[in-house]
C-alpha atoms as a PDB file:
ATOM      1  CA  UNK A   1      21.572  38.335 -21.967  1.00  0.00           C
ATOM      2  CA  UNK A   2      20.538  40.516 -19.069  1.00  0.00           C
ATOM      3  CA  UNK A   3      17.129  39.592 -17.711  1.00  0.00           C
ATOM      4  CA  UNK A   4      15.231  41.665 -15.174  1.00  0.00           C
ATOM      5  CA  UNK A   5      12.923  39.946 -12.748  1.00  0.00           C
ATOM      6  CA  UNK A   6       9.349  40.990 -12.100  1.00  0.00           C
ATOM      7  CA  UNK A   7       8.893  44.374 -10.469  1.00  0.00           C
ATOM      8  CA  UNK A   8       8.295  44.270  -6.780  1.00  0.00           C
ATOM      9  CA  UNK A   9       4.806  45.140  -5.742  1.00  0.00           C
ATOM     10  CA  UNK A  10       4.745  48.372  -3.817  1.00  0.00           C
ATOM     11  CA  UNK A  11       2.388  48.336  -0.880  1.00  0.00           C
ATOM     12  CA  UNK A  12       1.846  51.577   0.924  1.00  0.00           C
ATOM     13  CA  UNK A  13      -0.287  51.954   4.001  1.00  0.00           C
ATOM     14  CA  UNK A  14      -3.918  52.374   3.048  1.00  0.00           C
ATOM     15  CA  UNK A  15      -3.394  51.968  -0.706  1.00  0.00           C
ATOM     16  CA  UNK A  16      -3.941  49.064  -3.088  1.00  0.00           C
ATOM     17  CA  UNK A  17      -0.910  47.174  -4.365  1.00  0.00           C
ATOM     18  CA  UNK A  18       0.345  48.389  -7.741  1.00  0.00           C
ATOM     19  CA  UNK A  19       3.213  47.271  -9.939  1.00  0.00           C
ATOM     20  CA  UNK A  20       5.505  50.165 -10.818  1.00  0.00           C
ATOM     21  CA  UNK A  21       8.027  50.218 -13.668  1.00  0.00           C
ATOM     22  CA  UNK A  22      11.550  50.592 -12.305  1.00  0.00           C
ATOM     23  CA  UNK A  23      12.614  52.337 -15.515  1.00  0.00           C
ATOM     24  CA  UNK A  24      10.033  55.139 -15.852  1.00  0.00           C
ATOM     25  CA  UNK A  25       7.810  54.862 -12.767  1.00  0.00           C
ATOM     26  CA  UNK A  26       4.612  54.129 -14.689  1.00  0.00           C
ATOM     27  CA  UNK A  27       1.954  51.879 -13.189  1.00  0.00           C
ATOM     28  CA  UNK A  28       0.602  51.026 -16.663  1.00  0.00           C
ATOM     29  CA  UNK A  29       1.972  47.468 -16.773  1.00  0.00           C
ATOM     30  CA  UNK A  30       0.296  44.488 -18.429  1.00  0.00           C
ATOM     31  CA  UNK A  31       0.955  40.768 -18.875  1.00  0.00           C
ATOM     32  CA  UNK A  32       2.062  39.779 -22.370  1.00  0.00           C
ATOM     33  CA  UNK A  33       3.915  37.138 -24.375  1.00  0.00           C
ATOM     34  CA  UNK A  34       7.115  38.591 -25.836  1.00  0.00           C
ATOM     35  CA  UNK A  35      10.069  37.484 -27.903  1.00  0.00           C
ATOM     36  CA  UNK A  36      13.738  38.279 -27.633  1.00  0.00           C
ATOM     37  CA  UNK A  37      16.822  37.681 -29.756  1.00  0.00           C
ATOM     38  CA  UNK A  38      20.463  37.322 -28.800  1.00  0.00           C
ATOM     39  CA  UNK A  39      23.695  35.814 -30.054  1.00  0.00           C
ATOM     40  CA  UNK A  40      24.682  32.255 -29.178  1.00  0.00           C
ATOM     41  CA  UNK A  41      28.257  32.096 -30.484  1.00  0.00           C
ATOM     42  CA  UNK A  42      27.828  32.911 -34.196  1.00  0.00           C
ATOM     43  CA  UNK A  43      24.079  32.168 -34.349  1.00  0.00           C
ATOM     44  CA  UNK A  44      21.281  34.637 -33.822  1.00  0.00           C
ATOM     45  CA  UNK A  45      18.650  32.913 -31.661  1.00  0.00           C
ATOM     46  CA  UNK A  46      15.045  34.062 -31.237  1.00  0.00           C
ATOM     47  CA  UNK A  47      12.874  32.893 -28.341  1.00  0.00           C
ATOM     48  CA  UNK A  48       9.134  33.499 -28.640  1.00  0.00           C
ATOM     49  CA  UNK A  49       6.141  33.216 -26.302  1.00  0.00           C
ATOM     50  CA  UNK A  50       7.998  34.373 -23.177  1.00  0.00           C
ATOM     51  CA  UNK A  51       5.596  35.402 -20.398  1.00  0.00           C
ATOM     52  CA  UNK A  52       6.417  38.894 -19.148  1.00  0.00           C
ATOM     53  CA  UNK A  53       5.066  42.061 -17.625  1.00  0.00           C
ATOM     54  CA  UNK A  54       5.487  44.964 -20.042  1.00  0.00           C
ATOM     55  CA  UNK A  55       5.366  48.673 -19.246  1.00  0.00           C
ATOM     56  CA  UNK A  56       2.952  50.408 -21.633  1.00  0.00           C
ATOM     57  CA  UNK A  57       4.876  53.670 -21.312  1.00  0.00           C
ATOM     58  CA  UNK A  58       8.526  52.725 -21.930  1.00  0.00           C
ATOM     59  CA  UNK A  59       8.105  49.062 -23.015  1.00  0.00           C
ATOM     60  CA  UNK A  60      10.499  47.746 -20.346  1.00  0.00           C
ATOM     61  CA  UNK A  61       9.993  43.996 -19.815  1.00  0.00           C
ATOM     62  CA  UNK A  62      10.006  42.132 -16.526  1.00  0.00           C
ATOM     63  CA  UNK A  63      10.251  38.360 -16.057  1.00  0.00           C
ATOM     64  CA  UNK A  64       9.450  36.275 -12.991  1.00  0.00           C
ATOM     65  CA  UNK A  65      12.042  33.936 -11.467  1.00  0.00           C
ATOM     66  CA  UNK A  66      10.540  30.790 -13.035  1.00  0.00           C
ATOM     67  CA  UNK A  67      10.724  32.365 -16.509  1.00  0.00           C
ATOM     68  CA  UNK A  68      14.348  33.408 -15.973  1.00  0.00           C
ATOM     69  CA  UNK A  69      15.174  29.853 -14.896  1.00  0.00           C
ATOM     70  CA  UNK A  70      13.606  28.383 -18.053  1.00  0.00           C
ATOM     71  CA  UNK A  71      15.487  30.897 -20.236  1.00  0.00           C
ATOM     72  CA  UNK A  72      18.741  29.937 -18.503  1.00  0.00           C
ATOM     73  CA  UNK A  73      18.009  26.227 -19.061  1.00  0.00           C
ATOM     74  CA  UNK A  74      17.267  26.859 -22.738  1.00  0.00           C
ATOM     75  CA  UNK A  75      20.550  28.697 -23.107  1.00  0.00           C
ATOM     76  CA  UNK A  76      22.375  25.918 -21.267  1.00  0.00           C
ATOM     77  CA  UNK A  77      20.968  23.358 -23.714  1.00  0.00           C
ATOM     78  CA  UNK A  78      22.690  25.241 -26.538  1.00  0.00           C
ATOM     79  CA  UNK A  79      19.539  25.680 -28.642  1.00  0.00           C
ATOM     80  CA  UNK A  80      19.728  22.447 -30.657  1.00  0.00           C
ATOM     81  CA  UNK A  81      18.458  23.020 -34.202  1.00  0.00           C
ATOM     82  CA  UNK A  82      16.086  20.044 -34.042  1.00  0.00           C
ATOM     83  CA  UNK A  83      14.135  21.750 -31.232  1.00  0.00           C
ATOM     84  CA  UNK A  84      13.524  24.970 -33.166  1.00  0.00           C
ATOM     85  CA  UNK A  85       9.898  25.612 -34.093  1.00  0.00           C
ATOM     86  CA  UNK A  86      10.952  27.319 -37.279  1.00  0.00           C
ATOM     87  CA  UNK A  87      13.801  29.225 -38.872  1.00  0.00           C
ATOM     88  CA  UNK A  88      13.909  32.731 -40.316  1.00  0.00           C
ATOM     89  CA  UNK A  89      16.311  34.449 -42.702  1.00  0.00           C
ATOM     90  CA  UNK A  90      17.793  37.632 -41.296  1.00  0.00           C
ATOM     91  CA  UNK A  91      19.291  40.354 -43.499  1.00  0.00           C
ATOM     92  CA  UNK A  92      22.669  41.659 -42.324  1.00  0.00           C
ATOM     93  CA  UNK A  93      23.694  45.282 -42.774  1.00  0.00           C
ATOM     94  CA  UNK A  94      26.945  47.069 -42.037  1.00  0.00           C
ATOM     95  CA  UNK A  95      26.976  50.387 -40.229  1.00  0.00           C
ATOM     96  CA  UNK A  96      30.094  51.283 -42.203  1.00  0.00           C
ATOM     97  CA  UNK A  97      28.148  51.096 -45.490  1.00  0.00           C
ATOM     98  CA  UNK A  98      26.083  54.087 -44.362  1.00  0.00           C
ATOM     99  CA  UNK A  99      29.074  56.254 -43.467  1.00  0.00           C
ATOM    100  CA  UNK A 100      30.318  58.808 -45.976  1.00  0.00           C
ATOM    101  CA  UNK A 101      34.049  58.353 -46.655  1.00  0.00           C
ATOM    102  CA  UNK A 102      36.208  61.254 -45.477  1.00  0.00           C
ATOM    103  CA  UNK A 103      37.362  63.538 -48.242  1.00  0.00           C
ATOM    104  CA  UNK A 104      34.304  62.822 -50.413  1.00  0.00           C
END
């Protein structure tokens, strides 16, 4: 899982500090709690309540170093089932089912 750290604060002479999205350049960034999902071997794992800065324009997420460290520790623990807050059922679809067979 690639995790970006918090955007650096740009300080220009005579101007107030403003966070700027590295993806789109917007300064419309707000603090939020987000969730993410990724594969841990053959299990899909969801982590909720992650503190982040989120760009209101392109929805890019930025995490501070402490948050990245906690996410790394969680991954290192292997996500034991007994620590999960809850479980969800996830439907699985195949891209191939949507393709039209050649010659049809």
